[in-house]
Amino acid sequence: MKGDMIVAGVYFPTLLLLGIIALVLTGLLTRLINLVGGYRYVAYRPLADLALFVIILGLLSFLTSRPGAGA
């Protein structure tokens, strides 16, 4: 993951932009799960939504990371 991204000439932290993208994707996926009826099998919906957000954010972070860039 890079340190900063440039959007319209303004530097933004990469994690902020990835968080916004993950929030939008989580909202869309939540509506899809609700439409299909998948929340019937979940005991506590807010925790499932938070876990979904963290999984999507981690996946986006992994996909935007630079290969070979060590810690």
PDB file of N, CA and C in Angstrom:
ATOM      1  N   MET A   1       0.845  -1.160   0.000  1.00  0.00           N
ATOM      2  CA  MET A   1       0.000   0.000   0.000  1.00  0.00           C
ATOM      3  C   MET A   1       0.893   1.225   0.000  1.00  0.00           C
ATOM      4  N   LYS A   2       0.579   2.162  -0.843  1.00  0.00           N
ATOM      5  CA  LYS A   2       1.345   3.394  -0.927  1.00  0.00           C
ATOM      6  C   LYS A   2       0.990   4.296   0.244  1.00  0.00           C
ATOM      7  N   GLY A   3       1.838   5.306   0.487  1.00  0.00           N
ATOM      8  CA  GLY A   3       1.583   6.225   1.583  1.00  0.00           C
ATOM      9  C   GLY A   3       0.473   7.208   1.288  1.00  0.00           C
ATOM     10  N   ASP A   4       0.489   7.825   0.118  1.00  0.00           N
ATOM     11  CA  ASP A   4      -0.501   8.839  -0.233  1.00  0.00           C
ATOM     12  C   ASP A   4      -1.004   8.614  -1.646  1.00  0.00           C
ATOM     13  N   MET A   5      -2.215   9.073  -1.889  1.00  0.00           N
ATOM     14  CA  MET A   5      -2.782   9.065  -3.232  1.00  0.00           C
ATOM     15  C   MET A   5      -3.161  10.498  -3.580  1.00  0.00           C
ATOM     16  N   ILE A   6      -3.036  10.833  -4.852  1.00  0.00           N
ATOM     17  CA  ILE A   6      -3.364  12.176  -5.298  1.00  0.00           C
ATOM     18  C   ILE A   6      -4.704  12.142  -6.024  1.00  0.00           C
ATOM     19  N   VAL A   7      -5.650  12.935  -5.534  1.00  0.00           N
ATOM     20  CA  VAL A   7      -6.960  13.057  -6.160  1.00  0.00           C
ATOM     21  C   VAL A   7      -7.178  14.540  -6.429  1.00  0.00           C
ATOM     22  N   ALA A   8      -7.239  14.912  -7.699  1.00  0.00           N
ATOM     23  CA  ALA A   8      -7.450  16.298  -8.126  1.00  0.00           C
ATOM     24  C   ALA A   8      -6.412  17.232  -7.514  1.00  0.00           C
ATOM     25  N   GLY A   9      -5.191  16.762  -7.421  1.00  0.00           N
ATOM     26  CA  GLY A   9      -4.107  17.589  -6.925  1.00  0.00           C
ATOM     27  C   GLY A   9      -4.003  17.663  -5.413  1.00  0.00           C
ATOM     28  N   VAL A  10      -4.813  16.905  -4.698  1.00  0.00           N
ATOM     29  CA  VAL A  10      -4.796  16.913  -3.239  1.00  0.00           C
ATOM     30  C   VAL A  10      -4.321  15.548  -2.758  1.00  0.00           C
ATOM     31  N   TYR A  11      -3.393  15.555  -1.809  1.00  0.00           N
ATOM     32  CA  TYR A  11      -2.879  14.312  -1.253  1.00  0.00           C
ATOM     33  C   TYR A  11      -3.820  13.788  -0.165  1.00  0.00           C
ATOM     34  N   PHE A  12      -4.174  12.521  -0.267  1.00  0.00           N
ATOM     35  CA  PHE A  12      -5.014  11.859   0.725  1.00  0.00           C
ATOM     36  C   PHE A  12      -4.292  10.605   1.203  1.00  0.00           C
ATOM     37  N   PRO A  13      -4.436  10.266   2.497  1.00  0.00           N
ATOM     38  CA  PRO A  13      -3.893   8.990   2.957  1.00  0.00           C
ATOM     39  C   PRO A  13      -4.589   7.832   2.244  1.00  0.00           C
ATOM     40  N   THR A  14      -3.832   6.862   1.865  1.00  0.00           N
ATOM     41  CA  THR A  14      -4.387   5.725   1.133  1.00  0.00           C
ATOM     42  C   THR A  14      -5.437   4.999   1.958  1.00  0.00           C
ATOM     43  N   LEU A  15      -5.175   4.857   3.247  1.00  0.00           N
ATOM     44  CA  LEU A  15      -6.118   4.127   4.090  1.00  0.00           C
ATOM     45  C   LEU A  15      -7.460   4.843   4.190  1.00  0.00           C
ATOM     46  N   LEU A  16      -7.458   6.166   4.138  1.00  0.00           N
ATOM     47  CA  LEU A  16      -8.717   6.916   4.149  1.00  0.00           C
ATOM     48  C   LEU A  16      -9.538   6.625   2.897  1.00  0.00           C
ATOM     49  N   LEU A  17      -8.898   6.667   1.745  1.00  0.00           N
ATOM     50  CA  LEU A  17      -9.615   6.388   0.497  1.00  0.00           C
ATOM     51  C   LEU A  17     -10.080   4.937   0.433  1.00  0.00           C
ATOM     52  N   LEU A  18      -9.235   4.024   0.891  1.00  0.00           N
ATOM     53  CA  LEU A  18      -9.640   2.619   0.904  1.00  0.00           C
ATOM     54  C   LEU A  18     -10.792   2.393   1.887  1.00  0.00           C
ATOM     55  N   GLY A  19     -10.786   3.121   2.999  1.00  0.00           N
ATOM     56  CA  GLY A  19     -11.884   3.010   3.959  1.00  0.00           C
ATOM     57  C   GLY A  19     -13.199   3.494   3.378  1.00  0.00           C
ATOM     58  N   ILE A  20     -13.142   4.582   2.611  1.00  0.00           N
ATOM     59  CA  ILE A  20     -14.363   5.091   1.978  1.00  0.00           C
ATOM     60  C   ILE A  20     -14.880   4.101   0.940  1.00  0.00           C
ATOM     61  N   ILE A  21     -13.966   3.552   0.139  1.00  0.00           N
ATOM     62  CA  ILE A  21     -14.363   2.556  -0.864  1.00  0.00           C
ATOM     63  C   ILE A  21     -14.935   1.314  -0.182  1.00  0.00           C
ATOM     64  N   ALA A  22     -14.289   0.875   0.904  1.00  0.00           N
ATOM     65  CA  ALA A  22     -14.779  -0.299   1.634  1.00  0.00           C
ATOM     66  C   ALA A  22     -16.138  -0.032   2.256  1.00  0.00           C
ATOM     67  N   LEU A  23     -16.377   1.188   2.705  1.00  0.00           N
ATOM     68  CA  LEU A  23     -17.675   1.529   3.287  1.00  0.00           C
ATOM     69  C   LEU A  23     -18.786   1.462   2.235  1.00  0.00           C
ATOM     70  N   VAL A  24     -18.490   1.967   1.046  1.00  0.00           N
ATOM     71  CA  VAL A  24     -19.478   1.913  -0.037  1.00  0.00           C
ATOM     72  C   VAL A  24     -19.741   0.464  -0.443  1.00  0.00           C
ATOM     73  N   LEU A  25     -18.683  -0.318  -0.601  1.00  0.00           N
ATOM     74  CA  LEU A  25     -18.850  -1.722  -0.986  1.00  0.00           C
ATOM     75  C   LEU A  25     -19.584  -2.511   0.096  1.00  0.00           C
ATOM     76  N   THR A  26     -19.309  -2.200   1.361  1.00  0.00           N
ATOM     77  CA  THR A  26     -20.007  -2.871   2.451  1.00  0.00           C
ATOM     78  C   THR A  26     -21.486  -2.531   2.428  1.00  0.00           C
ATOM     79  N   GLY A  27     -21.815  -1.270   2.154  1.00  0.00           N
ATOM     80  CA  GLY A  27     -23.220  -0.877   2.060  1.00  0.00           C
ATOM     81  C   GLY A  27     -23.947  -1.617   0.952  1.00  0.00           C
ATOM     82  N   LEU A  28     -23.289  -1.731  -0.203  1.00  0.00           N
ATOM     83  CA  LEU A  28     -23.908  -2.455  -1.317  1.00  0.00           C
ATOM     84  C   LEU A  28     -24.069  -3.938  -1.001  1.00  0.00           C
ATOM     85  N   LEU A  29     -23.031  -4.523  -0.413  1.00  0.00           N
ATOM     86  CA  LEU A  29     -23.084  -5.947  -0.079  1.00  0.00           C
ATOM     87  C   LEU A  29     -24.104  -6.218   1.028  1.00  0.00           C
ATOM     88  N   THR A  30     -24.238  -5.288   1.963  1.00  0.00           N
ATOM     89  CA  THR A  30     -25.227  -5.425   3.031  1.00  0.00           C
ATOM     90  C   THR A  30     -26.639  -5.427   2.457  1.00  0.00           C
ATOM     91  N   ARG A  31     -26.901  -4.534   1.499  1.00  0.00           N
ATOM     92  CA  ARG A  31     -28.221  -4.519   0.866  1.00  0.00           C
ATOM     93  C   ARG A  31     -28.497  -5.809   0.108  1.00  0.00           C
ATOM     94  N   LEU A  32     -27.467  -6.340  -0.541  1.00  0.00           N
ATOM     95  CA  LEU A  32     -27.625  -7.595  -1.267  1.00  0.00           C
ATOM     96  C   LEU A  32     -27.905  -8.748  -0.307  1.00  0.00           C
ATOM     97  N   ILE A  33     -27.178  -8.803   0.785  1.00  0.00           N
ATOM     98  CA  ILE A  33     -27.392  -9.867   1.770  1.00  0.00           C
ATOM     99  C   ILE A  33     -28.791  -9.752   2.380  1.00  0.00           C
ATOM    100  N   ASN A  34     -29.212  -8.514   2.638  1.00  0.00           N
ATOM    101  CA  ASN A  34     -30.553  -8.301   3.195  1.00  0.00           C
ATOM    102  C   ASN A  34     -31.635  -8.705   2.195  1.00  0.00           C
ATOM    103  N   LEU A  35     -31.402  -8.418   0.913  1.00  0.00           N
ATOM    104  CA  LEU A  35     -32.370  -8.772  -0.126  1.00  0.00           C
ATOM    105  C   LEU A  35     -32.506 -10.283  -0.265  1.00  0.00           C
ATOM    106  N   VAL A  36     -31.398 -10.982  -0.174  1.00  0.00           N
ATOM    107  CA  VAL A  36     -31.404 -12.439  -0.307  1.00  0.00           C
ATOM    108  C   VAL A  36     -31.938 -13.106   0.961  1.00  0.00           C
ATOM    109  N   GLY A  37     -31.834 -12.412   2.092  1.00  0.00           N
ATOM    110  CA  GLY A  37     -32.308 -12.983   3.355  1.00  0.00           C
ATOM    111  C   GLY A  37     -31.207 -13.668   4.138  1.00  0.00           C
ATOM    112  N   GLY A  38     -29.981 -13.265   3.920  1.00  0.00           N
ATOM    113  CA  GLY A  38     -28.858 -13.906   4.603  1.00  0.00           C
ATOM    114  C   GLY A  38     -28.713 -13.530   6.059  1.00  0.00           C
ATOM    115  N   TYR A  39     -29.363 -12.441   6.478  1.00  0.00           N
ATOM    116  CA  TYR A  39     -29.250 -12.022   7.869  1.00  0.00           C
ATOM    117  C   TYR A  39     -30.103 -12.861   8.812  1.00  0.00           C
ATOM    118  N   ARG A  40     -30.868 -13.780   8.276  1.00  0.00           N
ATOM    119  CA  ARG A  40     -31.619 -14.700   9.142  1.00  0.00           C
ATOM    120  C   ARG A  40     -30.678 -15.599   9.924  1.00  0.00           C
ATOM    121  N   TYR A  41     -29.487 -15.828   9.385  1.00  0.00           N
ATOM    122  CA  TYR A  41     -28.541 -16.760   9.997  1.00  0.00           C
ATOM    123  C   TYR A  41     -27.509 -16.062  10.864  1.00  0.00           C
ATOM    124  N   VAL A  42     -27.664 -14.754  11.068  1.00  0.00           N
ATOM    125  CA  VAL A  42     -26.708 -13.978  11.848  1.00  0.00           C
ATOM    126  C   VAL A  42     -27.357 -13.588  13.168  1.00  0.00           C
ATOM    127  N   ALA A  43     -26.626 -13.804  14.271  1.00  0.00           N
ATOM    128  CA  ALA A  43     -27.188 -13.502  15.582  1.00  0.00           C
ATOM    129  C   ALA A  43     -27.163 -12.004  15.878  1.00  0.00           C
ATOM    130  N   TYR A  44     -26.101 -11.310  15.512  1.00  0.00           N
ATOM    131  CA  TYR A  44     -25.957  -9.893  15.822  1.00  0.00           C
ATOM    132  C   TYR A  44     -25.491  -9.173  14.569  1.00  0.00           C
ATOM    133  N   ARG A  45     -26.430  -8.526  13.889  1.00  0.00           N
ATOM    134  CA  ARG A  45     -26.177  -7.933  12.574  1.00  0.00           C
ATOM    135  C   ARG A  45     -25.068  -6.863  12.575  1.00  0.00           C
ATOM    136  N   PRO A  46     -25.012  -5.931  13.548  1.00  0.00           N
ATOM    137  CA  PRO A  46     -23.944  -4.925  13.508  1.00  0.00           C
ATOM    138  C   PRO A  46     -22.543  -5.527  13.557  1.00  0.00           C
ATOM    139  N   LEU A  47     -22.383  -6.600  14.298  1.00  0.00           N
ATOM    140  CA  LEU A  47     -21.078  -7.253  14.359  1.00  0.00           C
ATOM    141  C   LEU A  47     -20.735  -7.911  13.024  1.00  0.00           C
ATOM    142  N   ALA A  48     -21.716  -8.481  12.373  1.00  0.00           N
ATOM    143  CA  ALA A  48     -21.495  -9.080  11.053  1.00  0.00           C
ATOM    144  C   ALA A  48     -21.145  -8.008  10.023  1.00  0.00           C
ATOM    145  N   ASP A  49     -21.798  -6.836  10.113  1.00  0.00           N
ATOM    146  CA  ASP A  49     -21.485  -5.739   9.199  1.00  0.00           C
ATOM    147  C   ASP A  49     -20.073  -5.207   9.428  1.00  0.00           C
ATOM    148  N   LEU A  50     -19.675  -5.096  10.698  1.00  0.00           N
ATOM    149  CA  LEU A  50     -18.318  -4.649  11.015  1.00  0.00           C
ATOM    150  C   LEU A  50     -17.281  -5.640  10.500  1.00  0.00           C
ATOM    151  N   ALA A  51     -17.544  -6.921  10.676  1.00  0.00           N
ATOM    152  CA  ALA A  51     -16.621  -7.943  10.182  1.00  0.00           C
ATOM    153  C   ALA A  51     -16.522  -7.901   8.664  1.00  0.00           C
ATOM    154  N   LEU A  52     -17.627  -7.669   7.999  1.00  0.00           N
ATOM    155  CA  LEU A  52     -17.636  -7.553   6.549  1.00  0.00           C
ATOM    156  C   LEU A  52     -16.809  -6.352   6.101  1.00  0.00           C
ATOM    157  N   PHE A  53     -16.958  -5.223   6.802  1.00  0.00           N
ATOM    158  CA  PHE A  53     -16.173  -4.027   6.490  1.00  0.00           C
ATOM    159  C   PHE A  53     -14.680  -4.285   6.658  1.00  0.00           C
ATOM    160  N   VAL A  54     -14.300  -4.932   7.748  1.00  0.00           N
ATOM    161  CA  VAL A  54     -12.882  -5.206   8.004  1.00  0.00           C
ATOM    162  C   VAL A  54     -12.315  -6.153   6.952  1.00  0.00           C
ATOM    163  N   ILE A  55     -13.082  -7.140   6.559  1.00  0.00           N
ATOM    164  CA  ILE A  55     -12.630  -8.079   5.532  1.00  0.00           C
ATOM    165  C   ILE A  55     -12.442  -7.365   4.196  1.00  0.00           C
ATOM    166  N   ILE A  56     -13.389  -6.527   3.819  1.00  0.00           N
ATOM    167  CA  ILE A  56     -13.282  -5.804   2.545  1.00  0.00           C
ATOM    168  C   ILE A  56     -12.122  -4.820   2.587  1.00  0.00           C
ATOM    169  N   LEU A  57     -11.943  -4.110   3.706  1.00  0.00           N
ATOM    170  CA  LEU A  57     -10.824  -3.168   3.836  1.00  0.00           C
ATOM    171  C   LEU A  57      -9.481  -3.899   3.769  1.00  0.00           C
ATOM    172  N   GLY A  58      -9.389  -5.029   4.420  1.00  0.00           N
ATOM    173  CA  GLY A  58      -8.158  -5.813   4.353  1.00  0.00           C
ATOM    174  C   GLY A  58      -7.878  -6.325   2.956  1.00  0.00           C
ATOM    175  N   LEU A  59      -8.915  -6.739   2.252  1.00  0.00           N
ATOM    176  CA  LEU A  59      -8.748  -7.217   0.881  1.00  0.00           C
ATOM    177  C   LEU A  59      -8.307  -6.081  -0.044  1.00  0.00           C
ATOM    178  N   LEU A  60      -8.916  -4.913   0.099  1.00  0.00           N
ATOM    179  CA  LEU A  60      -8.506  -3.764  -0.708  1.00  0.00           C
ATOM    180  C   LEU A  60      -7.074  -3.348  -0.392  1.00  0.00           C
ATOM    181  N   SER A  61      -6.712  -3.385   0.869  1.00  0.00           N
ATOM    182  CA  SER A  61      -5.348  -3.044   1.263  1.00  0.00           C
ATOM    183  C   SER A  61      -4.348  -4.033   0.676  1.00  0.00           C
ATOM    184  N   PHE A  62      -4.721  -5.301   0.693  1.00  0.00           N
ATOM    185  CA  PHE A  62      -3.840  -6.322   0.128  1.00  0.00           C
ATOM    186  C   PHE A  62      -3.693  -6.155  -1.382  1.00  0.00           C
ATOM    187  N   LEU A  63      -4.790  -5.826  -2.053  1.00  0.00           N
ATOM    188  CA  LEU A  63      -4.748  -5.688  -3.509  1.00  0.00           C
ATOM    189  C   LEU A  63      -3.999  -4.446  -3.972  1.00  0.00           C
ATOM    190  N   THR A  64      -3.933  -3.419  -3.137  1.00  0.00           N
ATOM    191  CA  THR A  64      -3.226  -2.211  -3.522  1.00  0.00           C
ATOM    192  C   THR A  64      -1.789  -2.162  -3.030  1.00  0.00           C
ATOM    193  N   SER A  65      -1.349  -3.205  -2.343  1.00  0.00           N
ATOM    194  CA  SER A  65       0.022  -3.206  -1.836  1.00  0.00           C
ATOM    195  C   SER A  65       1.010  -3.433  -2.964  1.00  0.00           C
ATOM    196  N   ARG A  66       2.180  -2.868  -2.790  1.00  0.00           N
ATOM    197  CA  ARG A  66       3.239  -3.022  -3.793  1.00  0.00           C
ATOM    198  C   ARG A  66       3.976  -4.336  -3.545  1.00  0.00           C
ATOM    199  N   PRO A  67       4.116  -5.164  -4.571  1.00  0.00           N
ATOM    200  CA  PRO A  67       4.869  -6.421  -4.368  1.00  0.00           C
ATOM    201  C   PRO A  67       6.356  -6.112  -4.169  1.00  0.00           C
ATOM    202  N   GLY A  68       6.951  -6.793  -3.219  1.00  0.00           N
ATOM    203  CA  GLY A  68       8.377  -6.631  -2.970  1.00  0.00           C
ATOM    204  C   GLY A  68       8.699  -5.481  -2.038  1.00  0.00           C
ATOM    205  N   ALA A  69       7.707  -4.730  -1.578  1.00  0.00           N
ATOM    206  CA  ALA A  69       7.950  -3.636  -0.655  1.00  0.00           C
ATOM    207  C   ALA A  69       7.919  -4.204   0.749  1.00  0.00           C
ATOM    208  N   GLY A  70       9.063  -4.388   1.329  1.00  0.00           N
ATOM    209  CA  GLY A  70       9.154  -4.975   2.662  1.00  0.00           C
ATOM    210  C   GLY A  70       8.692  -4.010   3.727  1.00  0.00           C
ATOM    211  N   ALA A  71       8.578  -4.541   4.939  1.00  0.00           N
ATOM    212  CA  ALA A  71       8.097  -3.719   6.056  1.00  0.00           C
ATOM    213  C   ALA A  71       9.078  -2.745   6.523  1.00  0.00           C
TER     214      ALA A  71
END
